[in-house]
Amino acid sequence: MDLPFSLPLQPSRDKKTLRRQLQAERQSLVDRHQRSVHLQEVLRVWLIGRGENTIGAYWPIKGEFDALPALYRWSEAEPDRRIGLPVMDRETKQLRFHVWYPGCPMEEDAYGIPKPKDTEQFEPGLLLVPCVGFGPGGVRLGYGGGFYDRTLATLDPRPLTVGVGYAHGFVPWLEAEAHDVPLDVVLTEDGVHWQHPDI
Protein backbone atom coordinates (compact mmCIF):
# COMPACT_ATOMS: atom_id res chain seq x y z
CA MET A 1 0.00 0.00 0.00
CA ASP A 2 1.38 3.42 -0.96
CA LEU A 3 1.21 6.25 1.57
CA PRO A 4 -0.34 9.50 0.28
CA PHE A 5 2.72 11.39 1.50
CA SER A 6 6.36 10.76 2.32
CA LEU A 7 8.33 12.04 5.28
CA PRO A 8 11.77 13.50 4.57
CA LEU A 9 14.43 11.14 5.88
CA GLN A 10 17.28 13.62 5.54
CA PRO A 11 17.40 17.30 6.55
CA SER A 12 17.06 19.61 3.57
CA ARG A 13 20.25 21.10 2.11
CA ASP A 14 18.36 24.35 1.54
CA LYS A 15 18.79 26.44 4.70
CA LYS A 16 15.39 28.11 4.47
CA THR A 17 13.68 24.72 4.20
CA LEU A 18 15.97 23.26 6.86
CA ARG A 19 14.97 26.00 9.32
CA ARG A 20 11.29 25.20 8.77
CA GLN A 21 11.91 21.46 9.14
CA LEU A 22 13.86 21.82 12.39
CA GLN A 23 11.37 24.29 13.91
CA ALA A 24 8.44 22.01 13.07
CA GLU A 25 10.29 19.03 14.50
CA ARG A 26 11.16 20.95 17.69
CA GLN A 27 7.59 22.05 18.25
CA SER A 28 6.30 18.51 17.75
CA LEU A 29 8.77 16.79 20.11
CA VAL A 30 6.52 14.77 22.42
CA ASP A 31 9.20 14.76 25.13
CA ARG A 32 10.17 18.43 24.80
CA HIS A 33 9.36 19.17 28.45
CA GLN A 34 11.63 16.37 29.65
CA ARG A 35 14.38 17.49 27.28
CA SER A 36 14.01 21.00 28.69
CA VAL A 37 14.39 19.71 32.26
CA HIS A 38 17.60 17.91 31.29
CA LEU A 39 18.98 20.96 29.48
CA GLN A 40 18.20 23.15 32.53
CA GLU A 41 20.38 20.77 34.58
CA VAL A 42 23.16 20.73 31.97
CA LEU A 43 23.23 24.54 31.86
CA ARG A 44 23.22 24.95 35.63
CA VAL A 45 26.08 22.47 36.10
CA TRP A 46 28.10 23.98 33.23
CA LEU A 47 27.73 27.49 34.69
CA ILE A 48 29.25 26.39 38.01
CA GLY A 49 32.70 26.44 36.44
CA ARG A 50 32.32 29.88 34.84
CA GLY A 51 33.44 33.22 36.28
CA GLU A 52 31.26 35.62 34.27
CA ASN A 53 28.82 37.76 36.27
CA THR A 54 26.72 39.00 33.34
CA ILE A 55 24.79 36.80 30.94
CA GLY A 56 22.84 37.88 27.89
CA ALA A 57 19.92 35.51 27.26
CA TYR A 58 16.75 35.51 25.12
CA TRP A 59 12.99 35.25 25.49
CA PRO A 60 12.04 31.77 24.19
CA ILE A 61 9.78 31.59 21.11
CA LYS A 62 8.69 28.84 18.70
CA GLY A 63 9.39 25.97 21.07
CA GLU A 64 12.90 27.17 22.01
CA PHE A 65 14.53 26.01 25.22
CA ASP A 66 13.69 28.38 28.11
CA ALA A 67 16.98 29.12 29.89
CA LEU A 68 15.55 31.79 32.22
CA PRO A 69 14.68 29.50 35.18
CA ALA A 70 18.24 28.10 35.26
CA LEU A 71 19.71 31.59 34.89
CA TYR A 72 17.57 32.97 37.69
CA ARG A 73 18.86 30.20 39.99
CA TRP A 74 22.39 31.13 38.86
CA SER A 75 21.78 34.82 39.64
CA GLU A 76 20.51 34.06 43.15
CA ALA A 77 23.92 32.68 44.19
CA GLU A 78 25.76 36.05 43.92
CA PRO A 79 24.27 39.53 44.38
CA ASP A 80 26.28 41.11 41.53
CA ARG A 81 25.16 38.62 38.86
CA ARG A 82 22.92 40.05 36.14
CA ILE A 83 20.80 38.55 33.38
CA GLY A 84 19.90 40.54 30.28
CA LEU A 85 17.42 40.13 27.45
CA PRO A 86 17.94 41.53 23.94
CA VAL A 87 16.49 44.80 22.71
CA MET A 88 16.94 45.35 18.99
CA ASP A 89 18.25 48.66 17.64
CA ARG A 90 16.04 49.34 14.62
CA GLU A 91 18.70 51.35 12.79
CA THR A 92 21.71 49.04 13.17
CA LYS A 93 19.72 45.75 13.50
CA GLN A 94 22.03 44.91 16.40
CA LEU A 95 21.05 43.69 19.85
CA ARG A 96 21.58 45.55 23.11
CA PHE A 97 21.08 43.75 26.40
CA HIS A 98 18.98 45.17 29.22
CA VAL A 99 18.67 43.80 32.74
CA TRP A 100 15.89 41.24 33.25
CA TYR A 101 14.57 39.77 36.48
CA PRO A 102 11.30 37.96 37.24
CA GLY A 103 8.51 40.51 37.39
CA CYS A 104 10.47 43.36 35.78
CA PRO A 105 8.46 45.68 33.52
CA MET A 106 8.22 44.29 29.99
CA GLU A 107 6.92 45.47 26.61
CA GLU A 108 6.72 43.88 23.17
CA ASP A 109 9.30 44.67 20.50
CA ALA A 110 8.55 45.13 16.80
CA TYR A 111 8.34 41.34 16.40
CA GLY A 112 5.93 40.85 19.31
CA ILE A 113 8.65 39.40 21.57
CA PRO A 114 8.73 40.65 25.19
CA LYS A 115 11.70 42.82 26.16
CA PRO A 116 12.65 44.65 29.37
CA LYS A 117 11.21 48.15 29.63
CA ASP A 118 13.46 50.95 30.89
CA THR A 119 15.99 48.71 32.66
CA GLU A 120 19.75 49.24 32.67
CA GLN A 121 21.77 48.31 29.58
CA PHE A 122 24.98 46.30 29.94
CA GLU A 123 27.42 44.27 27.84
CA PRO A 124 27.30 40.57 28.74
CA GLY A 125 30.42 38.56 29.48
CA LEU A 126 28.62 35.42 28.35
CA LEU A 127 25.91 35.20 25.71
CA LEU A 128 23.38 32.38 25.46
CA VAL A 129 22.30 31.94 21.85
CA PRO A 130 19.26 29.88 20.81
CA CYS A 131 19.89 27.36 18.04
CA VAL A 132 17.36 26.25 15.44
CA GLY A 133 20.11 23.84 14.40
CA PHE A 134 23.85 23.44 14.81
CA GLY A 135 26.74 21.71 13.11
CA PRO A 136 30.32 20.66 13.86
CA GLY A 137 32.74 23.13 15.41
CA GLY A 138 30.14 25.53 16.80
CA VAL A 139 28.36 26.31 13.53
CA ARG A 140 24.89 27.67 14.32
CA LEU A 141 21.72 27.77 12.26
CA GLY A 142 19.48 30.61 13.45
CA TYR A 143 16.38 32.19 11.99
CA GLY A 144 18.33 33.91 9.21
CA GLY A 145 18.05 37.50 10.44
CA GLY A 146 21.75 37.84 11.28
CA PHE A 147 21.09 39.73 14.53
CA TYR A 148 23.58 37.77 16.62
CA ASP A 149 26.33 37.82 13.99
CA ARG A 150 25.99 41.61 13.55
CA THR A 151 25.97 42.13 17.32
CA LEU A 152 28.99 39.92 17.98
CA ALA A 153 30.96 41.66 15.24
CA THR A 154 30.75 44.93 17.21
CA LEU A 155 31.12 43.82 20.84
CA ASP A 156 34.62 44.37 22.28
CA PRO A 157 35.55 42.39 24.21
CA ARG A 158 33.50 39.69 22.55
CA PRO A 159 31.44 37.66 25.04
CA LEU A 160 31.77 33.91 25.34
CA THR A 161 28.99 32.47 23.14
CA VAL A 162 27.07 29.42 24.29
CA GLY A 163 24.55 27.87 21.90
CA VAL A 164 21.65 26.03 23.51
CA GLY A 165 19.27 23.71 21.71
CA TYR A 166 17.86 20.22 21.62
CA ALA A 167 20.00 17.40 20.26
CA HIS A 168 17.63 16.75 17.32
CA GLY A 169 18.97 19.97 15.76
CA PHE A 170 22.44 18.61 15.03
CA VAL A 171 23.12 18.67 11.27
CA PRO A 172 26.49 16.98 10.58
CA TRP A 173 27.07 18.61 7.18
CA LEU A 174 26.18 22.17 8.25
CA GLU A 175 28.96 24.61 7.33
CA ALA A 176 29.57 28.22 8.29
CA GLU A 177 29.06 30.99 5.76
CA ALA A 178 31.42 33.97 5.51
CA HIS A 179 29.39 36.16 7.90
CA ASP A 180 28.74 33.42 10.51
CA VAL A 181 30.41 33.79 13.90
CA PRO A 182 30.97 30.29 15.33
CA LEU A 183 29.84 29.51 18.87
CA ASP A 184 32.37 28.79 21.63
CA VAL A 185 30.22 26.10 23.26
CA VAL A 186 27.10 24.11 22.33
CA LEU A 187 24.93 22.60 25.08
CA THR A 188 22.07 20.15 24.54
CA GLU A 189 19.95 18.02 26.86
CA ASP A 190 22.61 15.31 26.45
CA GLY A 191 25.39 17.51 27.88
CA VAL A 192 28.22 19.52 26.36
CA HIS A 193 27.89 18.76 22.65
CA TRP A 194 30.93 20.79 21.65
CA GLN A 195 33.34 23.19 23.34
CA HIS A 196 36.23 25.11 21.85
CA PRO A 197 39.50 23.64 23.18
CA ASP A 198 40.64 27.07 24.47
CA ILE A 199 37.58 27.51 26.73
C-alpha atoms as a PDB file:
ATOM      1  CA  MET A   1       0.000   0.000   0.000  1.00  0.00           C
ATOM      2  CA  ASP A   2       1.382   3.424  -0.955  1.00  0.00           C
ATOM      3  CA  LEU A   3       1.209   6.249   1.565  1.00  0.00           C
ATOM      4  CA  PRO A   4      -0.335   9.502   0.284  1.00  0.00           C
ATOM      5  CA  PHE A   5       2.724  11.391   1.498  1.00  0.00           C
ATOM      6  CA  SER A   6       6.356  10.761   2.322  1.00  0.00           C
ATOM      7  CA  LEU A   7       8.326  12.039   5.276  1.00  0.00           C
ATOM      8  CA  PRO A   8      11.773  13.500   4.568  1.00  0.00           C
ATOM      9  CA  LEU A   9      14.428  11.142   5.882  1.00  0.00           C
ATOM     10  CA  GLN A  10      17.277  13.622   5.539  1.00  0.00           C
ATOM     11  CA  PRO A  11      17.405  17.304   6.554  1.00  0.00           C
ATOM     12  CA  SER A  12      17.063  19.611   3.568  1.00  0.00           C
ATOM     13  CA  ARG A  13      20.248  21.101   2.105  1.00  0.00           C
ATOM     14  CA  ASP A  14      18.355  24.345   1.545  1.00  0.00           C
ATOM     15  CA  LYS A  15      18.794  26.444   4.701  1.00  0.00           C
ATOM     16  CA  LYS A  16      15.387  28.109   4.474  1.00  0.00           C
ATOM     17  CA  THR A  17      13.677  24.725   4.199  1.00  0.00           C
ATOM     18  CA  LEU A  18      15.967  23.259   6.864  1.00  0.00           C
ATOM     19  CA  ARG A  19      14.975  26.000   9.320  1.00  0.00           C
ATOM     20  CA  ARG A  20      11.288  25.199   8.765  1.00  0.00           C
ATOM     21  CA  GLN A  21      11.909  21.458   9.145  1.00  0.00           C
ATOM     22  CA  LEU A  22      13.860  21.817  12.387  1.00  0.00           C
ATOM     23  CA  GLN A  23      11.371  24.289  13.908  1.00  0.00           C
ATOM     24  CA  ALA A  24       8.438  22.009  13.065  1.00  0.00           C
ATOM     25  CA  GLU A  25      10.294  19.033  14.500  1.00  0.00           C
ATOM     26  CA  ARG A  26      11.162  20.954  17.691  1.00  0.00           C
ATOM     27  CA  GLN A  27       7.591  22.055  18.247  1.00  0.00           C
ATOM     28  CA  SER A  28       6.302  18.510  17.747  1.00  0.00           C
ATOM     29  CA  LEU A  29       8.767  16.786  20.108  1.00  0.00           C
ATOM     30  CA  VAL A  30       6.521  14.773  22.424  1.00  0.00           C
ATOM     31  CA  ASP A  31       9.201  14.757  25.133  1.00  0.00           C
ATOM     32  CA  ARG A  32      10.169  18.426  24.805  1.00  0.00           C
ATOM     33  CA  HIS A  33       9.360  19.175  28.451  1.00  0.00           C
ATOM     34  CA  GLN A  34      11.628  16.369  29.646  1.00  0.00           C
ATOM     35  CA  ARG A  35      14.380  17.488  27.281  1.00  0.00           C
ATOM     36  CA  SER A  36      14.012  21.003  28.692  1.00  0.00           C
ATOM     37  CA  VAL A  37      14.388  19.714  32.263  1.00  0.00           C
ATOM     38  CA  HIS A  38      17.600  17.914  31.293  1.00  0.00           C
ATOM     39  CA  LEU A  39      18.985  20.962  29.482  1.00  0.00           C
ATOM     40  CA  GLN A  40      18.204  23.149  32.533  1.00  0.00           C
ATOM     41  CA  GLU A  41      20.383  20.774  34.580  1.00  0.00           C
ATOM     42  CA  VAL A  42      23.163  20.735  31.973  1.00  0.00           C
ATOM     43  CA  LEU A  43      23.231  24.543  31.856  1.00  0.00           C
ATOM     44  CA  ARG A  44      23.223  24.950  35.634  1.00  0.00           C
ATOM     45  CA  VAL A  45      26.079  22.466  36.101  1.00  0.00           C
ATOM     46  CA  TRP A  46      28.098  23.982  33.227  1.00  0.00           C
ATOM     47  CA  LEU A  47      27.731  27.495  34.687  1.00  0.00           C
ATOM     48  CA  ILE A  48      29.251  26.390  38.008  1.00  0.00           C
ATOM     49  CA  GLY A  49      32.698  26.437  36.439  1.00  0.00           C
ATOM     50  CA  ARG A  50      32.318  29.876  34.840  1.00  0.00           C
ATOM     51  CA  GLY A  51      33.444  33.221  36.284  1.00  0.00           C
ATOM     52  CA  GLU A  52      31.262  35.622  34.268  1.00  0.00           C
ATOM     53  CA  ASN A  53      28.821  37.761  36.267  1.00  0.00           C
ATOM     54  CA  THR A  54      26.720  39.001  33.337  1.00  0.00           C
ATOM     55  CA  ILE A  55      24.788  36.799  30.937  1.00  0.00           C
ATOM     56  CA  GLY A  56      22.836  37.879  27.892  1.00  0.00           C
ATOM     57  CA  ALA A  57      19.922  35.515  27.256  1.00  0.00           C
ATOM     58  CA  TYR A  58      16.754  35.508  25.123  1.00  0.00           C
ATOM     59  CA  TRP A  59      12.990  35.251  25.491  1.00  0.00           C
ATOM     60  CA  PRO A  60      12.037  31.774  24.188  1.00  0.00           C
ATOM     61  CA  ILE A  61       9.779  31.587  21.114  1.00  0.00           C
ATOM     62  CA  LYS A  62       8.686  28.845  18.699  1.00  0.00           C
ATOM     63  CA  GLY A  63       9.393  25.965  21.075  1.00  0.00           C
ATOM     64  CA  GLU A  64      12.904  27.169  22.010  1.00  0.00           C
ATOM     65  CA  PHE A  65      14.533  26.007  25.225  1.00  0.00           C
ATOM     66  CA  ASP A  66      13.689  28.376  28.109  1.00  0.00           C
ATOM     67  CA  ALA A  67      16.978  29.119  29.886  1.00  0.00           C
ATOM     68  CA  LEU A  68      15.553  31.792  32.216  1.00  0.00           C
ATOM     69  CA  PRO A  69      14.676  29.500  35.180  1.00  0.00           C
ATOM     70  CA  ALA A  70      18.244  28.097  35.260  1.00  0.00           C
ATOM     71  CA  LEU A  71      19.708  31.593  34.886  1.00  0.00           C
ATOM     72  CA  TYR A  72      17.569  32.967  37.686  1.00  0.00           C
ATOM     73  CA  ARG A  73      18.857  30.204  39.988  1.00  0.00           C
ATOM     74  CA  TRP A  74      22.394  31.132  38.858  1.00  0.00           C
ATOM     75  CA  SER A  75      21.777  34.822  39.640  1.00  0.00           C
ATOM     76  CA  GLU A  76      20.514  34.063  43.150  1.00  0.00           C
ATOM     77  CA  ALA A  77      23.918  32.681  44.185  1.00  0.00           C
ATOM     78  CA  GLU A  78      25.756  36.049  43.920  1.00  0.00           C
ATOM     79  CA  PRO A  79      24.267  39.532  44.384  1.00  0.00           C
ATOM     80  CA  ASP A  80      26.276  41.107  41.535  1.00  0.00           C
ATOM     81  CA  ARG A  81      25.159  38.619  38.857  1.00  0.00           C
ATOM     82  CA  ARG A  82      22.922  40.052  36.140  1.00  0.00           C
ATOM     83  CA  ILE A  83      20.799  38.552  33.378  1.00  0.00           C
ATOM     84  CA  GLY A  84      19.896  40.536  30.277  1.00  0.00           C
ATOM     85  CA  LEU A  85      17.420  40.125  27.445  1.00  0.00           C
ATOM     86  CA  PRO A  86      17.940  41.526  23.940  1.00  0.00           C
ATOM     87  CA  VAL A  87      16.485  44.803  22.707  1.00  0.00           C
ATOM     88  CA  MET A  88      16.936  45.352  18.988  1.00  0.00           C
ATOM     89  CA  ASP A  89      18.254  48.655  17.644  1.00  0.00           C
ATOM     90  CA  ARG A  90      16.041  49.344  14.623  1.00  0.00           C
ATOM     91  CA  GLU A  91      18.697  51.350  12.785  1.00  0.00           C
ATOM     92  CA  THR A  92      21.707  49.041  13.168  1.00  0.00           C
ATOM     93  CA  LYS A  93      19.720  45.754  13.496  1.00  0.00           C
ATOM     94  CA  GLN A  94      22.033  44.905  16.398  1.00  0.00           C
ATOM     95  CA  LEU A  95      21.047  43.685  19.851  1.00  0.00           C
ATOM     96  CA  ARG A  96      21.575  45.552  23.110  1.00  0.00           C
ATOM     97  CA  PHE A  97      21.084  43.752  26.397  1.00  0.00           C
ATOM     98  CA  HIS A  98      18.984  45.167  29.219  1.00  0.00           C
ATOM     99  CA  VAL A  99      18.666  43.798  32.740  1.00  0.00           C
ATOM    100  CA  TRP A 100      15.890  41.245  33.250  1.00  0.00           C
ATOM    101  CA  TYR A 101      14.571  39.771  36.483  1.00  0.00           C
ATOM    102  CA  PRO A 102      11.299  37.961  37.239  1.00  0.00           C
ATOM    103  CA  GLY A 103       8.506  40.515  37.391  1.00  0.00           C
ATOM    104  CA  CYS A 104      10.472  43.356  35.781  1.00  0.00           C
ATOM    105  CA  PRO A 105       8.456  45.684  33.518  1.00  0.00           C
ATOM    106  CA  MET A 106       8.218  44.294  29.987  1.00  0.00           C
ATOM    107  CA  GLU A 107       6.922  45.466  26.608  1.00  0.00           C
ATOM    108  CA  GLU A 108       6.722  43.879  23.170  1.00  0.00           C
ATOM    109  CA  ASP A 109       9.301  44.670  20.503  1.00  0.00           C
ATOM    110  CA  ALA A 110       8.554  45.132  16.803  1.00  0.00           C
ATOM    111  CA  TYR A 111       8.336  41.340  16.404  1.00  0.00           C
ATOM    112  CA  GLY A 112       5.933  40.850  19.312  1.00  0.00           C
ATOM    113  CA  ILE A 113       8.654  39.397  21.571  1.00  0.00           C
ATOM    114  CA  PRO A 114       8.732  40.649  25.191  1.00  0.00           C
ATOM    115  CA  LYS A 115      11.698  42.824  26.159  1.00  0.00           C
ATOM    116  CA  PRO A 116      12.649  44.649  29.370  1.00  0.00           C
ATOM    117  CA  LYS A 117      11.208  48.149  29.629  1.00  0.00           C
ATOM    118  CA  ASP A 118      13.463  50.947  30.893  1.00  0.00           C
ATOM    119  CA  THR A 119      15.987  48.714  32.661  1.00  0.00           C
ATOM    120  CA  GLU A 120      19.753  49.243  32.669  1.00  0.00           C
ATOM    121  CA  GLN A 121      21.772  48.306  29.585  1.00  0.00           C
ATOM    122  CA  PHE A 122      24.984  46.298  29.938  1.00  0.00           C
ATOM    123  CA  GLU A 123      27.418  44.266  27.840  1.00  0.00           C
ATOM    124  CA  PRO A 124      27.296  40.573  28.735  1.00  0.00           C
ATOM    125  CA  GLY A 125      30.423  38.565  29.476  1.00  0.00           C
ATOM    126  CA  LEU A 126      28.619  35.419  28.349  1.00  0.00           C
ATOM    127  CA  LEU A 127      25.913  35.196  25.713  1.00  0.00           C
ATOM    128  CA  LEU A 128      23.381  32.377  25.463  1.00  0.00           C
ATOM    129  CA  VAL A 129      22.304  31.939  21.851  1.00  0.00           C
ATOM    130  CA  PRO A 130      19.262  29.877  20.810  1.00  0.00           C
ATOM    131  CA  CYS A 131      19.885  27.361  18.037  1.00  0.00           C
ATOM    132  CA  VAL A 132      17.364  26.254  15.442  1.00  0.00           C
ATOM    133  CA  GLY A 133      20.113  23.838  14.396  1.00  0.00           C
ATOM    134  CA  PHE A 134      23.848  23.435  14.812  1.00  0.00           C
ATOM    135  CA  GLY A 135      26.744  21.713  13.109  1.00  0.00           C
ATOM    136  CA  PRO A 136      30.316  20.656  13.857  1.00  0.00           C
ATOM    137  CA  GLY A 137      32.742  23.132  15.412  1.00  0.00           C
ATOM    138  CA  GLY A 138      30.145  25.532  16.805  1.00  0.00           C
ATOM    139  CA  VAL A 139      28.361  26.312  13.526  1.00  0.00           C
ATOM    140  CA  ARG A 140      24.888  27.671  14.317  1.00  0.00           C
ATOM    141  CA  LEU A 141      21.723  27.769  12.260  1.00  0.00           C
ATOM    142  CA  GLY A 142      19.483  30.606  13.452  1.00  0.00           C
ATOM    143  CA  TYR A 143      16.379  32.191  11.989  1.00  0.00           C
ATOM    144  CA  GLY A 144      18.330  33.910   9.211  1.00  0.00           C
ATOM    145  CA  GLY A 145      18.050  37.504  10.445  1.00  0.00           C
ATOM    146  CA  GLY A 146      21.753  37.838  11.276  1.00  0.00           C
ATOM    147  CA  PHE A 147      21.090  39.733  14.529  1.00  0.00           C
ATOM    148  CA  TYR A 148      23.580  37.767  16.620  1.00  0.00           C
ATOM    149  CA  ASP A 149      26.326  37.824  13.993  1.00  0.00           C
ATOM    150  CA  ARG A 150      25.989  41.608  13.553  1.00  0.00           C
ATOM    151  CA  THR A 151      25.971  42.135  17.320  1.00  0.00           C
ATOM    152  CA  LEU A 152      28.992  39.916  17.979  1.00  0.00           C
ATOM    153  CA  ALA A 153      30.959  41.664  15.240  1.00  0.00           C
ATOM    154  CA  THR A 154      30.752  44.933  17.208  1.00  0.00           C
ATOM    155  CA  LEU A 155      31.124  43.816  20.842  1.00  0.00           C
ATOM    156  CA  ASP A 156      34.616  44.368  22.277  1.00  0.00           C
ATOM    157  CA  PRO A 157      35.552  42.391  24.212  1.00  0.00           C
ATOM    158  CA  ARG A 158      33.495  39.686  22.545  1.00  0.00           C
ATOM    159  CA  PRO A 159      31.439  37.660  25.042  1.00  0.00           C
ATOM    160  CA  LEU A 160      31.765  33.907  25.337  1.00  0.00           C
ATOM    161  CA  THR A 161      28.992  32.469  23.143  1.00  0.00           C
ATOM    162  CA  VAL A 162      27.065  29.419  24.287  1.00  0.00           C
ATOM    163  CA  GLY A 163      24.553  27.870  21.901  1.00  0.00           C
ATOM    164  CA  VAL A 164      21.649  26.028  23.511  1.00  0.00           C
ATOM    165  CA  GLY A 165      19.266  23.713  21.706  1.00  0.00           C
ATOM    166  CA  TYR A 166      17.863  20.218  21.617  1.00  0.00           C
ATOM    167  CA  ALA A 167      20.000  17.395  20.255  1.00  0.00           C
ATOM    168  CA  HIS A 168      17.630  16.748  17.319  1.00  0.00           C
ATOM    169  CA  GLY A 169      18.965  19.974  15.755  1.00  0.00           C
ATOM    170  CA  PHE A 170      22.443  18.606  15.027  1.00  0.00           C
ATOM    171  CA  VAL A 171      23.117  18.671  11.274  1.00  0.00           C
ATOM    172  CA  PRO A 172      26.492  16.975  10.583  1.00  0.00           C
ATOM    173  CA  TRP A 173      27.068  18.609   7.185  1.00  0.00           C
ATOM    174  CA  LEU A 174      26.181  22.175   8.255  1.00  0.00           C
ATOM    175  CA  GLU A 175      28.963  24.607   7.333  1.00  0.00           C
ATOM    176  CA  ALA A 176      29.573  28.223   8.290  1.00  0.00           C
ATOM    177  CA  GLU A 177      29.058  30.991   5.762  1.00  0.00           C
ATOM    178  CA  ALA A 178      31.419  33.967   5.509  1.00  0.00           C
ATOM    179  CA  HIS A 179      29.395  36.163   7.899  1.00  0.00           C
ATOM    180  CA  ASP A 180      28.742  33.425  10.506  1.00  0.00           C
ATOM    181  CA  VAL A 181      30.413  33.792  13.904  1.00  0.00           C
ATOM    182  CA  PRO A 182      30.974  30.290  15.335  1.00  0.00           C
ATOM    183  CA  LEU A 183      29.836  29.513  18.872  1.00  0.00           C
ATOM    184  CA  ASP A 184      32.366  28.793  21.626  1.00  0.00           C
ATOM    185  CA  VAL A 185      30.221  26.104  23.255  1.00  0.00           C
ATOM    186  CA  VAL A 186      27.099  24.112  22.326  1.00  0.00           C
ATOM    187  CA  LEU A 187      24.932  22.595  25.084  1.00  0.00           C
ATOM    188  CA  THR A 188      22.075  20.145  24.540  1.00  0.00           C
ATOM    189  CA  GLU A 189      19.953  18.019  26.859  1.00  0.00           C
ATOM    190  CA  ASP A 190      22.606  15.307  26.449  1.00  0.00           C
ATOM    191  CA  GLY A 191      25.388  17.506  27.881  1.00  0.00           C
ATOM    192  CA  VAL A 192      28.224  19.525  26.361  1.00  0.00           C
ATOM    193  CA  HIS A 193      27.894  18.757  22.652  1.00  0.00           C
ATOM    194  CA  TRP A 194      30.928  20.791  21.654  1.00  0.00           C
ATOM    195  CA  GLN A 195      33.341  23.189  23.340  1.00  0.00           C
ATOM    196  CA  HIS A 196      36.231  25.108  21.846  1.00  0.00           C
ATOM    197  CA  PRO A 197      39.500  23.644  23.180  1.00  0.00           C
ATOM    198  CA  ASP A 198      40.640  27.066  24.475  1.00  0.00           C
ATOM    199  CA  ILE A 199      37.578  27.506  26.731  1.00  0.00           C
END
